[in-house]
Amino acid sequence: MFKLLSINLLPVVIIHFLFFFLIQNTRLNDSGNISFIQLLFELFTPFLLLTMNYKIAAKKDKTYFIPNFFLILISSLLGVVIGFLNWGLDAGGYTLQNDLGGNILQSPDAETYGIVMLEAQINVMVSIVGSLLCSIILIVKNRKKRSLK
């Protein structure tokens, strides 16, 4: 389980923190290219995680994909949240009001919130559909192996 956790969470967190440091460098992010690349990475994260998890499950001849599904879902949504924080820090839209109990996830504009919610919904749908397809493929593949023995 620890191996699955590290395969799913570590790459997402490391890459998003790399984006965070690249966004803070104003020379590299003058035209917003890094923010756009980060957005694309957030949209393709479930596909990458599904591919990696399917290959691991296929090697181990597992017929269940439920733990992988939950880790893929959590990792992709964590990536969206970290990306949302990076986006707000890039735009200068967040104010941390520790003494007033402000929320770091509160964004001043509705467009950013709408884009992030759309990303989250896409990630959830891709994770659910992809995990179901991976489960069906693994079940069929393992039944064929058992019937041939």
N, C-alpha and C. Protein backbone atom coordinates (compact mmCIF):
# COMPACT_ATOMS: atom_id res chain seq x y z
N MET A 1 0.83 -1.20 0.00
CA MET A 1 0.00 0.00 0.00
C MET A 1 0.87 1.26 0.00
N PHE A 2 1.99 1.20 0.74
CA PHE A 2 2.88 2.36 0.78
C PHE A 2 3.47 2.64 -0.59
N LYS A 3 3.75 1.57 -1.35
CA LYS A 3 4.29 1.74 -2.69
C LYS A 3 3.28 2.45 -3.60
N LEU A 4 2.02 2.04 -3.52
CA LEU A 4 0.97 2.70 -4.31
C LEU A 4 0.81 4.16 -3.90
N LEU A 5 0.88 4.40 -2.62
CA LEU A 5 0.75 5.77 -2.12
C LEU A 5 1.88 6.64 -2.65
N SER A 6 3.10 6.12 -2.62
CA SER A 6 4.23 6.91 -3.10
C SER A 6 4.20 7.08 -4.62
N ILE A 7 3.72 6.09 -5.34
CA ILE A 7 3.65 6.20 -6.80
C ILE A 7 2.61 7.22 -7.23
N ASN A 8 1.54 7.36 -6.47
CA ASN A 8 0.47 8.28 -6.85
C ASN A 8 0.66 9.69 -6.32
N LEU A 9 1.02 9.83 -5.06
CA LEU A 9 1.07 11.16 -4.46
C LEU A 9 2.38 11.90 -4.70
N LEU A 10 3.49 11.22 -4.60
CA LEU A 10 4.77 11.92 -4.70
C LEU A 10 4.99 12.64 -6.03
N PRO A 11 4.74 12.01 -7.17
CA PRO A 11 4.96 12.75 -8.42
C PRO A 11 4.07 13.99 -8.55
N VAL A 12 2.83 13.88 -8.11
CA VAL A 12 1.91 15.02 -8.21
C VAL A 12 2.39 16.17 -7.34
N VAL A 13 2.77 15.86 -6.11
CA VAL A 13 3.21 16.91 -5.18
C VAL A 13 4.52 17.53 -5.65
N ILE A 14 5.46 16.70 -6.06
CA ILE A 14 6.76 17.21 -6.49
C ILE A 14 6.63 18.10 -7.73
N ILE A 15 5.86 17.66 -8.70
CA ILE A 15 5.71 18.46 -9.93
C ILE A 15 4.97 19.76 -9.65
N HIS A 16 3.99 19.73 -8.77
CA HIS A 16 3.27 20.98 -8.47
C HIS A 16 4.13 21.95 -7.69
N PHE A 17 4.98 21.45 -6.82
CA PHE A 17 5.89 22.37 -6.14
C PHE A 17 6.94 22.92 -7.10
N LEU A 18 7.32 22.15 -8.10
CA LEU A 18 8.19 22.66 -9.15
C LEU A 18 7.50 23.79 -9.91
N PHE A 19 6.21 23.58 -10.23
CA PHE A 19 5.45 24.65 -10.87
C PHE A 19 5.37 25.89 -9.97
N PHE A 20 5.22 25.67 -8.68
CA PHE A 20 5.15 26.79 -7.73
C PHE A 20 6.42 27.63 -7.81
N PHE A 21 7.57 26.98 -7.81
CA PHE A 21 8.82 27.73 -7.88
C PHE A 21 9.03 28.37 -9.25
N LEU A 22 8.56 27.73 -10.30
CA LEU A 22 8.68 28.34 -11.63
C LEU A 22 7.75 29.54 -11.77
N ILE A 23 6.58 29.47 -11.17
CA ILE A 23 5.64 30.59 -11.25
C ILE A 23 6.17 31.79 -10.48
N GLN A 24 6.86 31.53 -9.38
CA GLN A 24 7.41 32.63 -8.58
C GLN A 24 8.53 33.37 -9.32
N ASN A 25 9.18 32.71 -10.27
CA ASN A 25 10.21 33.35 -11.08
C ASN A 25 9.52 34.17 -12.17
N THR A 26 9.48 35.47 -12.01
CA THR A 26 8.69 36.32 -12.91
C THR A 26 9.27 36.38 -14.31
N ARG A 27 10.57 36.16 -14.47
CA ARG A 27 11.15 36.19 -15.82
C ARG A 27 10.61 35.04 -16.66
N LEU A 28 10.42 33.87 -16.04
CA LEU A 28 9.94 32.71 -16.78
C LEU A 28 8.43 32.76 -17.03
N ASN A 29 7.71 33.45 -16.18
CA ASN A 29 6.25 33.39 -16.23
C ASN A 29 5.63 34.72 -16.67
N ASP A 30 6.31 35.49 -17.48
CA ASP A 30 5.76 36.77 -17.91
C ASP A 30 4.51 36.60 -18.75
N SER A 31 4.49 35.64 -19.64
CA SER A 31 3.34 35.49 -20.52
C SER A 31 2.34 34.45 -20.02
N GLY A 32 2.60 33.83 -18.89
CA GLY A 32 1.67 32.85 -18.34
C GLY A 32 1.80 31.46 -18.92
N ASN A 33 2.91 31.19 -19.60
CA ASN A 33 3.09 29.87 -20.21
C ASN A 33 3.16 28.77 -19.16
N ILE A 34 3.80 29.04 -18.05
CA ILE A 34 3.94 28.01 -17.02
C ILE A 34 2.58 27.70 -16.40
N SER A 35 1.75 28.70 -16.24
CA SER A 35 0.40 28.46 -15.71
C SER A 35 -0.42 27.60 -16.67
N PHE A 36 -0.24 27.81 -17.96
CA PHE A 36 -0.95 27.01 -18.96
C PHE A 36 -0.45 25.57 -18.95
N ILE A 37 0.87 25.39 -18.85
CA ILE A 37 1.43 24.03 -18.78
C ILE A 37 0.96 23.33 -17.51
N GLN A 38 0.86 24.07 -16.42
CA GLN A 38 0.36 23.50 -15.17
C GLN A 38 -1.10 23.06 -15.34
N LEU A 39 -1.90 23.85 -16.00
CA LEU A 39 -3.30 23.50 -16.26
C LEU A 39 -3.39 22.22 -17.08
N LEU A 40 -2.56 22.10 -18.12
CA LEU A 40 -2.55 20.88 -18.93
C LEU A 40 -2.11 19.67 -18.11
N PHE A 41 -1.11 19.86 -17.27
CA PHE A 41 -0.66 18.76 -16.42
C PHE A 41 -1.77 18.30 -15.48
N GLU A 42 -2.53 19.24 -14.93
CA GLU A 42 -3.63 18.89 -14.04
C GLU A 42 -4.71 18.10 -14.77
N LEU A 43 -4.95 18.42 -16.03
CA LEU A 43 -5.96 17.69 -16.79
C LEU A 43 -5.49 16.30 -17.20
N PHE A 44 -4.18 16.12 -17.42
CA PHE A 44 -3.67 14.82 -17.84
C PHE A 44 -3.18 13.96 -16.69
N THR A 45 -3.22 14.48 -15.47
CA THR A 45 -2.78 13.71 -14.31
C THR A 45 -3.55 12.40 -14.14
N PRO A 46 -4.88 12.38 -14.24
CA PRO A 46 -5.58 11.09 -14.07
C PRO A 46 -5.18 10.06 -15.13
N PHE A 47 -4.95 10.50 -16.36
CA PHE A 47 -4.53 9.57 -17.41
C PHE A 47 -3.18 8.95 -17.09
N LEU A 48 -2.24 9.77 -16.63
CA LEU A 48 -0.92 9.27 -16.28
C LEU A 48 -0.99 8.31 -15.10
N LEU A 49 -1.76 8.67 -14.09
CA LEU A 49 -1.88 7.82 -12.91
C LEU A 49 -2.60 6.51 -13.24
N LEU A 50 -3.62 6.58 -14.08
CA LEU A 50 -4.32 5.36 -14.49
C LEU A 50 -3.38 4.42 -15.23
N THR A 51 -2.57 4.97 -16.12
CA THR A 51 -1.63 4.14 -16.87
C THR A 51 -0.62 3.47 -15.95
N MET A 52 -0.04 4.23 -15.04
CA MET A 52 0.95 3.66 -14.11
C MET A 52 0.32 2.59 -13.22
N ASN A 53 -0.86 2.88 -12.69
CA ASN A 53 -1.51 1.93 -11.79
C ASN A 53 -1.98 0.67 -12.51
N TYR A 54 -2.43 0.82 -13.74
CA TYR A 54 -2.84 -0.35 -14.51
C TYR A 54 -1.65 -1.27 -14.77
N LYS A 55 -0.52 -0.68 -15.13
CA LYS A 55 0.67 -1.50 -15.39
C LYS A 55 1.12 -2.23 -14.14
N ILE A 56 1.04 -1.59 -13.00
CA ILE A 56 1.41 -2.25 -11.74
C ILE A 56 0.43 -3.37 -11.42
N ALA A 57 -0.86 -3.11 -11.58
CA ALA A 57 -1.87 -4.14 -11.28
C ALA A 57 -1.78 -5.30 -12.26
N ALA A 58 -1.46 -5.02 -13.51
CA ALA A 58 -1.35 -6.09 -14.50
C ALA A 58 -0.13 -6.98 -14.22
N LYS A 59 0.95 -6.39 -13.73
CA LYS A 59 2.13 -7.19 -13.39
C LYS A 59 1.85 -8.13 -12.23
N LYS A 60 1.06 -7.67 -11.28
CA LYS A 60 0.77 -8.47 -10.08
C LYS A 60 -0.42 -9.40 -10.27
N ASP A 61 -1.02 -9.41 -11.43
CA ASP A 61 -2.19 -10.23 -11.73
C ASP A 61 -3.34 -9.99 -10.76
N LYS A 62 -3.57 -8.73 -10.43
CA LYS A 62 -4.68 -8.39 -9.54
C LYS A 62 -5.94 -8.20 -10.37
N THR A 63 -7.07 -8.61 -9.80
CA THR A 63 -8.33 -8.41 -10.49
C THR A 63 -9.12 -7.26 -9.90
N TYR A 64 -8.63 -6.69 -8.83
CA TYR A 64 -9.34 -5.56 -8.23
C TYR A 64 -8.51 -4.29 -8.40
N PHE A 65 -9.20 -3.18 -8.50
CA PHE A 65 -8.56 -1.90 -8.79
C PHE A 65 -9.05 -0.82 -7.84
N ILE A 66 -9.74 -1.22 -6.76
CA ILE A 66 -10.37 -0.26 -5.86
C ILE A 66 -9.36 0.61 -5.11
N PRO A 67 -8.31 0.03 -4.49
CA PRO A 67 -7.35 0.93 -3.82
C PRO A 67 -6.67 1.89 -4.80
N ASN A 68 -6.39 1.39 -5.98
CA ASN A 68 -5.78 2.24 -7.00
C ASN A 68 -6.71 3.39 -7.37
N PHE A 69 -8.00 3.08 -7.50
CA PHE A 69 -8.98 4.11 -7.85
C PHE A 69 -8.99 5.23 -6.83
N PHE A 70 -9.05 4.87 -5.54
CA PHE A 70 -9.10 5.91 -4.51
C PHE A 70 -7.83 6.75 -4.48
N LEU A 71 -6.69 6.11 -4.68
CA LEU A 71 -5.43 6.87 -4.70
C LEU A 71 -5.33 7.76 -5.92
N ILE A 72 -5.81 7.29 -7.05
CA ILE A 72 -5.83 8.12 -8.27
C ILE A 72 -6.73 9.33 -8.07
N LEU A 73 -7.90 9.10 -7.51
CA LEU A 73 -8.85 10.18 -7.27
C LEU A 73 -8.28 11.21 -6.30
N ILE A 74 -7.73 10.75 -5.20
CA ILE A 74 -7.16 11.66 -4.20
C ILE A 74 -5.99 12.43 -4.79
N SER A 75 -5.12 11.74 -5.51
CA SER A 75 -3.94 12.40 -6.08
C SER A 75 -4.32 13.45 -7.12
N SER A 76 -5.26 13.13 -7.98
CA SER A 76 -5.63 14.10 -9.01
C SER A 76 -6.35 15.31 -8.41
N LEU A 77 -7.19 15.09 -7.40
CA LEU A 77 -7.86 16.22 -6.75
C LEU A 77 -6.88 17.04 -5.92
N LEU A 78 -5.90 16.38 -5.31
CA LEU A 78 -4.86 17.11 -4.59
C LEU A 78 -4.07 17.99 -5.56
N GLY A 79 -3.81 17.47 -6.75
CA GLY A 79 -3.13 18.26 -7.76
C GLY A 79 -3.93 19.48 -8.18
N VAL A 80 -5.24 19.34 -8.28
CA VAL A 80 -6.09 20.47 -8.63
C VAL A 80 -6.06 21.53 -7.52
N VAL A 81 -6.10 21.09 -6.27
CA VAL A 81 -6.07 22.04 -5.15
C VAL A 81 -4.73 22.77 -5.10
N ILE A 82 -3.64 22.03 -5.25
CA ILE A 82 -2.33 22.68 -5.24
C ILE A 82 -2.20 23.62 -6.44
N GLY A 83 -2.72 23.22 -7.58
CA GLY A 83 -2.69 24.10 -8.74
C GLY A 83 -3.51 25.36 -8.53
N PHE A 84 -4.64 25.22 -7.84
CA PHE A 84 -5.47 26.38 -7.51
C PHE A 84 -4.72 27.34 -6.61
N LEU A 85 -4.00 26.79 -5.64
CA LEU A 85 -3.20 27.65 -4.77
C LEU A 85 -2.09 28.34 -5.55
N ASN A 86 -1.43 27.61 -6.45
CA ASN A 86 -0.39 28.20 -7.27
C ASN A 86 -0.95 29.28 -8.18
N TRP A 87 -2.12 29.05 -8.73
CA TRP A 87 -2.75 30.02 -9.61
C TRP A 87 -3.05 31.32 -8.86
N GLY A 88 -3.56 31.17 -7.68
CA GLY A 88 -3.86 32.36 -6.88
C GLY A 88 -2.62 33.10 -6.44
N LEU A 89 -1.56 32.36 -6.13
CA LEU A 89 -0.31 33.02 -5.76
C LEU A 89 0.30 33.73 -6.95
N ASP A 90 0.09 33.17 -8.14
CA ASP A 90 0.59 33.80 -9.37
C ASP A 90 -0.14 35.12 -9.62
N ALA A 91 -1.44 35.12 -9.42
CA ALA A 91 -2.23 36.31 -9.69
C ALA A 91 -2.21 37.30 -8.54
N GLY A 92 -1.69 36.89 -7.40
CA GLY A 92 -1.67 37.76 -6.24
C GLY A 92 -3.04 37.93 -5.63
N GLY A 93 -3.92 36.95 -5.82
CA GLY A 93 -5.29 37.08 -5.37
C GLY A 93 -5.56 36.60 -3.96
N TYR A 94 -4.62 35.94 -3.35
CA TYR A 94 -4.88 35.39 -2.02
C TYR A 94 -4.34 36.31 -0.95
N THR A 95 -5.10 36.43 0.10
CA THR A 95 -4.62 37.14 1.28
C THR A 95 -4.80 36.20 2.45
N LEU A 96 -3.72 35.92 3.13
CA LEU A 96 -3.78 35.06 4.29
C LEU A 96 -4.09 35.92 5.51
N GLN A 97 -5.28 35.77 5.99
CA GLN A 97 -5.70 36.55 7.14
C GLN A 97 -5.73 35.63 8.35
N ASN A 98 -4.57 35.34 8.89
CA ASN A 98 -4.49 34.40 10.00
C ASN A 98 -5.19 34.94 11.24
N ASP A 99 -5.09 36.23 11.49
CA ASP A 99 -5.72 36.77 12.69
C ASP A 99 -7.23 36.86 12.54
N LEU A 100 -7.73 36.96 11.30
CA LEU A 100 -9.18 37.04 11.08
C LEU A 100 -9.78 35.69 10.70
N GLY A 101 -8.94 34.67 10.57
CA GLY A 101 -9.44 33.34 10.23
C GLY A 101 -9.80 33.21 8.77
N GLY A 102 -9.08 33.88 7.88
CA GLY A 102 -9.36 33.81 6.45
C GLY A 102 -9.02 32.45 5.88
N ASN A 103 -9.64 32.12 4.79
CA ASN A 103 -9.45 30.83 4.14
C ASN A 103 -8.52 31.00 2.96
N ILE A 104 -7.48 30.14 2.87
CA ILE A 104 -6.51 30.26 1.79
C ILE A 104 -7.14 29.87 0.44
N LEU A 105 -8.18 29.05 0.45
CA LEU A 105 -8.80 28.61 -0.80
C LEU A 105 -9.85 29.58 -1.32
N GLN A 106 -10.04 30.68 -0.66
CA GLN A 106 -11.03 31.66 -1.11
C GLN A 106 -10.40 32.56 -2.16
N SER A 107 -10.96 32.56 -3.34
CA SER A 107 -10.43 33.34 -4.44
C SER A 107 -11.34 34.53 -4.72
N PRO A 108 -10.77 35.66 -5.07
CA PRO A 108 -11.60 36.84 -5.29
C PRO A 108 -12.41 36.80 -6.58
N ASP A 109 -12.01 36.04 -7.58
CA ASP A 109 -12.78 36.05 -8.82
C ASP A 109 -13.47 34.71 -9.04
N ALA A 110 -14.64 34.80 -9.63
CA ALA A 110 -15.46 33.61 -9.86
C ALA A 110 -14.97 32.79 -11.05
N GLU A 111 -14.25 33.41 -11.97
CA GLU A 111 -13.77 32.68 -13.14
C GLU A 111 -12.73 31.63 -12.75
N THR A 112 -11.82 32.00 -11.88
CA THR A 112 -10.80 31.05 -11.42
C THR A 112 -11.46 29.89 -10.70
N TYR A 113 -12.41 30.19 -9.86
CA TYR A 113 -13.13 29.15 -9.13
C TYR A 113 -13.87 28.23 -10.10
N GLY A 114 -14.49 28.79 -11.12
CA GLY A 114 -15.21 27.98 -12.10
C GLY A 114 -14.30 27.07 -12.90
N ILE A 115 -13.14 27.59 -13.28
CA ILE A 115 -12.17 26.76 -14.02
C ILE A 115 -11.67 25.62 -13.16
N VAL A 116 -11.38 25.91 -11.91
CA VAL A 116 -10.87 24.87 -11.01
C VAL A 116 -11.95 23.82 -10.74
N MET A 117 -13.19 24.24 -10.59
CA MET A 117 -14.27 23.26 -10.38
C MET A 117 -14.47 22.40 -11.63
N LEU A 118 -14.34 22.98 -12.80
CA LEU A 118 -14.42 22.20 -14.04
C LEU A 118 -13.28 21.19 -14.11
N GLU A 119 -12.07 21.61 -13.75
CA GLU A 119 -10.93 20.68 -13.71
C GLU A 119 -11.20 19.54 -12.74
N ALA A 120 -11.72 19.87 -11.58
CA ALA A 120 -11.99 18.83 -10.57
C ALA A 120 -13.04 17.85 -11.08
N GLN A 121 -14.09 18.36 -11.71
CA GLN A 121 -15.13 17.48 -12.25
C GLN A 121 -14.59 16.58 -13.36
N ILE A 122 -13.76 17.14 -14.22
CA ILE A 122 -13.16 16.34 -15.30
C ILE A 122 -12.26 15.26 -14.70
N ASN A 123 -11.46 15.62 -13.69
CA ASN A 123 -10.58 14.65 -13.05
C ASN A 123 -11.37 13.53 -12.39
N VAL A 124 -12.46 13.86 -11.74
CA VAL A 124 -13.29 12.83 -11.09
C VAL A 124 -13.91 11.91 -12.13
N MET A 125 -14.44 12.49 -13.21
CA MET A 125 -15.06 11.66 -14.25
C MET A 125 -14.05 10.76 -14.93
N VAL A 126 -12.88 11.30 -15.25
CA VAL A 126 -11.84 10.49 -15.89
C VAL A 126 -11.36 9.39 -14.95
N SER A 127 -11.22 9.70 -13.67
CA SER A 127 -10.79 8.70 -12.70
C SER A 127 -11.81 7.57 -12.57
N ILE A 128 -13.08 7.91 -12.51
CA ILE A 128 -14.12 6.89 -12.35
C ILE A 128 -14.22 6.02 -13.61
N VAL A 129 -14.33 6.65 -14.76
CA VAL A 129 -14.47 5.89 -16.00
C VAL A 129 -13.21 5.07 -16.29
N GLY A 130 -12.05 5.68 -16.10
CA GLY A 130 -10.80 4.97 -16.34
C GLY A 130 -10.59 3.81 -15.39
N SER A 131 -10.95 3.99 -14.13
CA SER A 131 -10.81 2.90 -13.16
C SER A 131 -11.78 1.76 -13.48
N LEU A 132 -12.97 2.09 -13.90
CA LEU A 132 -13.92 1.03 -14.29
C LEU A 132 -13.39 0.26 -15.49
N LEU A 133 -12.88 0.97 -16.48
CA LEU A 133 -12.31 0.29 -17.65
C LEU A 133 -11.11 -0.57 -17.27
N CYS A 134 -10.23 -0.05 -16.43
CA CYS A 134 -9.07 -0.84 -15.99
C CYS A 134 -9.51 -2.08 -15.22
N SER A 135 -10.53 -1.94 -14.38
CA SER A 135 -11.04 -3.09 -13.62
C SER A 135 -11.61 -4.14 -14.55
N ILE A 136 -12.39 -3.71 -15.52
CA ILE A 136 -12.99 -4.66 -16.47
C ILE A 136 -11.91 -5.37 -17.27
N ILE A 137 -10.92 -4.61 -17.74
CA ILE A 137 -9.83 -5.21 -18.51
C ILE A 137 -9.05 -6.21 -17.67
N LEU A 138 -8.77 -5.86 -16.41
CA LEU A 138 -8.04 -6.79 -15.54
C LEU A 138 -8.84 -8.05 -15.25
N ILE A 139 -10.14 -7.91 -15.04
CA ILE A 139 -10.98 -9.08 -14.77
C ILE A 139 -11.02 -10.00 -15.98
N VAL A 140 -11.23 -9.43 -17.15
CA VAL A 140 -11.28 -10.25 -18.38
C VAL A 140 -9.93 -10.90 -18.64
N LYS A 141 -8.88 -10.16 -18.48
CA LYS A 141 -7.53 -10.68 -18.72
C LYS A 141 -7.20 -11.83 -17.77
N ASN A 142 -7.54 -11.68 -16.51
CA ASN A 142 -7.24 -12.73 -15.53
C ASN A 142 -8.15 -13.94 -15.69
N ARG A 143 -9.37 -13.76 -16.15
CA ARG A 143 -10.25 -14.90 -16.42
C ARG A 143 -9.72 -15.72 -17.58
N LYS A 144 -9.20 -15.04 -18.60
CA LYS A 144 -8.62 -15.76 -19.73
C LYS A 144 -7.41 -16.55 -19.29
N LYS A 145 -6.58 -16.00 -18.43
CA LYS A 145 -5.40 -16.71 -17.93
C LYS A 145 -5.81 -17.94 -17.13
N ARG A 146 -6.84 -17.80 -16.30
CA ARG A 146 -7.29 -18.92 -15.48
C ARG A 146 -7.94 -20.02 -16.32
N SER A 147 -8.64 -19.61 -17.38
CA SER A 147 -9.31 -20.61 -18.21
C SER A 147 -8.31 -21.38 -19.07
N LEU A 148 -7.16 -20.76 -19.37
CA LEU A 148 -6.15 -21.43 -20.17
C LEU A 148 -5.32 -22.43 -19.35
N LYS A 149 -5.32 -22.29 -18.03
CA LYS A 149 -4.51 -23.18 -17.18
C LYS A 149 -5.12 -24.53 -17.00
